[in-house]
Amino acid sequence: MADRATMERIWEAHTAGEFVAQDVEATMATMDDDPIVVHVPTAMGGSGYDGVKDFYARWFIGRNPVDFTVRSISRTVGDDSLVDEMIVSFTHDIEVPWILPGLAPTGQQVRIPVIAVVDFRGPRVRSERIYWDQMAVLAQTQLLTDDIVRGLPVVTTPLDVLDGRVPLNQLTSPRLDVEP
């Protein structure tokens, strides 16, 4: 088991390899010998060293728009895991296969909350499970039409969970719109 400071340091090196250096080898150097990576909403990822390395090389690292940013909101560190809450934003001006696989660029801005659950084995990343609201991504990129989205409980505009100006409690249905 790694101490909490080591886990944070390894995770920071891991994400720097992914997003700053865009270096598959540097990213893999932070991983366990038998890692698992799953982007839950799109079922993208890999298992085993070769599977994860292939995922990073073919589908993830270097496959993000130039304006892709990750802003940390909070981090919780346990005995052998770490959970990051982030805001991811980008302009969908290239194909981004891990989040919008096979879909041509729409030119639309995307801003979504993302949760990463990271497990460690010793001082290495054992697994990553990444979660986000895929319906919000599809709505923000206008891949869902207004007539489909209308009336559904989906956030259609870029959402920043720290923005106190975001109207809350707007997703109601006639069944739920009753006086308490």
Protein backbone atom coordinates (compact mmCIF):
# COMPACT_ATOMS: atom_id res chain seq x y z
CA MET A 1 0.00 0.00 0.00
CA ALA A 2 1.30 3.46 -0.92
CA ASP A 3 0.88 6.43 1.37
CA ARG A 4 -1.56 9.16 0.37
CA ALA A 5 1.10 11.64 -0.73
CA THR A 6 2.65 9.00 -3.01
CA MET A 7 -0.73 8.17 -4.55
CA GLU A 8 -1.36 11.86 -5.28
CA ARG A 9 2.13 12.29 -6.74
CA ILE A 10 1.71 9.23 -8.99
CA TRP A 11 -1.76 10.38 -10.13
CA GLU A 12 -0.39 13.85 -10.94
CA ALA A 13 2.43 12.25 -12.98
CA HIS A 14 -0.13 10.01 -14.70
CA THR A 15 -2.40 12.89 -15.77
CA ALA A 16 0.63 14.99 -16.79
CA GLY A 17 1.67 12.12 -19.07
CA GLU A 18 -1.83 12.00 -20.57
CA PHE A 19 -2.57 15.70 -21.02
CA VAL A 20 0.65 17.74 -20.77
CA ALA A 21 3.44 15.58 -22.22
CA GLN A 22 0.95 13.47 -24.22
CA ASP A 23 3.38 10.60 -23.75
CA VAL A 24 2.07 7.02 -23.67
CA GLU A 25 5.28 5.64 -22.12
CA ALA A 26 5.30 8.27 -19.34
CA THR A 27 1.65 7.49 -18.60
CA MET A 28 2.24 3.74 -18.59
CA ALA A 29 5.21 4.18 -16.22
CA THR A 30 2.67 5.13 -13.53
CA MET A 31 0.57 1.99 -14.10
CA ASP A 32 0.53 -1.41 -12.45
CA ASP A 33 1.61 -4.47 -14.49
CA ASP A 34 -2.04 -5.51 -14.95
CA PRO A 35 -4.08 -2.27 -15.10
CA ILE A 36 -7.68 -1.62 -16.07
CA VAL A 37 -9.03 1.64 -17.55
CA VAL A 38 -12.75 2.07 -18.21
CA HIS A 39 -14.50 5.19 -19.47
CA VAL A 40 -17.90 4.03 -18.31
CA PRO A 41 -20.26 6.14 -20.49
CA THR A 42 -18.64 5.04 -23.78
CA ALA A 43 -17.21 1.64 -22.75
CA MET A 44 -13.79 2.77 -23.99
CA GLY A 45 -10.62 1.62 -22.26
CA GLY A 46 -8.48 -1.45 -21.86
CA SER A 47 -7.43 -4.20 -19.53
CA GLY A 48 -4.00 -5.66 -18.99
CA TYR A 49 -0.81 -3.76 -19.69
CA ASP A 50 -0.97 -4.19 -23.48
CA GLY A 51 -4.70 -3.43 -23.65
CA VAL A 52 -4.38 -0.20 -21.66
CA LYS A 53 -1.29 0.88 -23.60
CA ASP A 54 -3.16 0.26 -26.88
CA PHE A 55 -6.15 2.28 -25.64
CA TYR A 56 -3.94 5.21 -24.68
CA ALA A 57 -1.97 5.11 -27.94
CA ARG A 58 -4.93 4.59 -30.32
CA TRP A 59 -7.87 6.31 -28.67
CA PHE A 60 -6.85 8.74 -25.93
CA ILE A 61 -3.42 10.36 -25.68
CA GLY A 62 -2.99 13.01 -28.37
CA ARG A 63 -6.66 12.66 -29.39
CA ASN A 64 -7.99 15.71 -27.53
CA PRO A 65 -8.75 19.18 -28.91
CA VAL A 66 -6.09 21.86 -28.45
CA ASP A 67 -8.32 23.76 -25.99
CA PHE A 68 -9.00 20.65 -23.85
CA THR A 69 -8.76 21.56 -20.15
CA VAL A 70 -9.23 19.73 -16.89
CA ARG A 71 -9.96 21.81 -13.80
CA SER A 72 -9.83 20.15 -10.41
CA ILE A 73 -12.82 20.65 -8.11
CA SER A 74 -12.10 18.26 -5.27
CA ARG A 75 -10.04 15.23 -4.37
CA THR A 76 -10.63 12.54 -1.79
CA VAL A 77 -7.80 10.17 -0.93
CA GLY A 78 -8.35 6.89 0.91
CA ASP A 79 -6.09 4.03 1.93
CA ASP A 80 -5.60 2.66 -1.60
CA SER A 81 -7.76 4.85 -3.81
CA LEU A 82 -8.29 8.41 -4.93
CA VAL A 83 -11.40 10.14 -6.30
CA ASP A 84 -11.08 13.30 -8.37
CA GLU A 85 -13.99 15.56 -9.26
CA MET A 86 -13.14 17.74 -12.26
CA ILE A 87 -14.59 20.01 -14.89
CA VAL A 88 -13.56 18.97 -18.41
CA SER A 89 -14.05 21.45 -21.21
CA PHE A 90 -13.21 21.49 -24.89
CA THR A 91 -14.41 22.50 -28.31
CA HIS A 92 -15.46 19.48 -30.34
CA ASP A 93 -13.36 20.52 -33.35
CA ILE A 94 -11.71 17.12 -33.92
CA GLU A 95 -12.95 13.57 -33.42
CA VAL A 96 -12.51 12.70 -29.74
CA PRO A 97 -12.81 8.91 -29.84
CA TRP A 98 -12.89 8.24 -26.11
CA ILE A 99 -15.83 10.58 -25.45
CA LEU A 100 -17.58 10.82 -28.85
CA PRO A 101 -16.35 7.74 -30.73
CA GLY A 102 -16.85 7.82 -34.49
CA LEU A 103 -18.57 11.20 -34.47
CA ALA A 104 -17.41 14.00 -36.73
CA PRO A 105 -16.55 17.34 -35.10
CA THR A 106 -19.54 19.56 -34.36
CA GLY A 107 -17.64 22.73 -33.43
CA GLN A 108 -19.64 22.91 -30.20
CA GLN A 109 -18.29 23.75 -26.74
CA VAL A 110 -18.54 21.00 -24.12
CA ARG A 111 -18.17 21.52 -20.37
CA ILE A 112 -19.04 18.65 -18.04
CA PRO A 113 -18.32 17.41 -14.55
CA VAL A 114 -16.18 14.25 -14.58
CA ILE A 115 -15.40 11.83 -11.76
CA ALA A 116 -12.27 9.64 -11.78
CA VAL A 117 -12.09 6.74 -9.34
CA VAL A 118 -8.47 5.57 -9.20
CA ASP A 119 -7.32 2.45 -7.37
CA PHE A 120 -3.68 1.77 -6.52
CA ARG A 121 -1.67 -1.38 -6.00
CA GLY A 122 1.41 -0.25 -4.14
CA PRO A 123 2.79 2.90 -5.71
CA ARG A 124 1.13 2.33 -9.13
CA VAL A 125 -2.26 2.97 -10.68
CA ARG A 126 -4.16 -0.33 -10.73
CA SER A 127 -7.42 0.92 -12.23
CA GLU A 128 -9.29 3.98 -13.42
CA ARG A 129 -13.04 4.26 -13.72
CA ILE A 130 -14.07 7.53 -15.34
CA TYR A 131 -17.68 8.77 -15.22
CA TRP A 132 -19.51 11.69 -16.89
CA ASP A 133 -23.01 12.46 -18.17
CA GLN A 134 -22.92 11.31 -21.81
CA MET A 135 -26.41 12.65 -22.52
CA ALA A 136 -25.19 16.13 -21.55
CA VAL A 137 -22.22 15.71 -23.94
CA LEU A 138 -24.56 14.68 -26.77
CA ALA A 139 -26.93 17.58 -26.03
CA GLN A 140 -24.11 20.15 -25.82
CA THR A 141 -22.68 18.98 -29.15
CA GLN A 142 -26.20 19.16 -30.64
CA LEU A 143 -26.09 15.48 -31.53
CA LEU A 144 -29.45 15.14 -29.81
CA THR A 145 -32.11 17.28 -31.45
CA ASP A 146 -34.23 19.71 -29.44
CA ASP A 147 -37.38 17.67 -30.05
CA ILE A 148 -35.69 14.59 -28.54
CA VAL A 149 -34.26 16.48 -25.56
CA ARG A 150 -37.37 18.59 -24.87
CA GLY A 151 -39.05 17.32 -21.75
CA LEU A 152 -36.23 14.96 -20.80
CA PRO A 153 -34.31 15.49 -17.57
CA VAL A 154 -31.03 16.45 -19.25
CA VAL A 155 -28.77 19.47 -18.87
CA THR A 156 -28.36 20.84 -22.39
CA THR A 157 -26.00 23.73 -21.69
CA PRO A 158 -22.39 23.52 -20.51
CA LEU A 159 -22.52 23.00 -16.77
CA ASP A 160 -20.02 24.15 -14.20
CA VAL A 161 -20.93 22.76 -10.79
CA LEU A 162 -19.19 25.65 -9.05
CA ASP A 163 -21.10 28.35 -10.92
CA GLY A 164 -23.72 29.60 -8.48
CA ARG A 165 -25.52 31.30 -11.38
CA VAL A 166 -26.58 27.95 -12.88
CA PRO A 167 -30.34 27.59 -12.38
CA LEU A 168 -31.10 24.53 -10.30
CA ASN A 169 -34.25 22.45 -9.99
CA GLN A 170 -35.33 23.23 -13.55
CA LEU A 171 -35.71 19.63 -14.73
CA THR A 172 -39.24 18.83 -13.64
CA SER A 173 -42.03 16.78 -15.09
CA PRO A 174 -45.77 17.27 -14.58
CA ARG A 175 -45.78 14.30 -12.19
CA LEU A 176 -43.09 15.87 -10.00
CA ASP A 177 -44.26 19.47 -10.18
CA VAL A 178 -46.49 19.39 -7.09
CA GLU A 179 -46.62 21.39 -3.92
CA PRO A 180 -44.97 19.68 -0.92
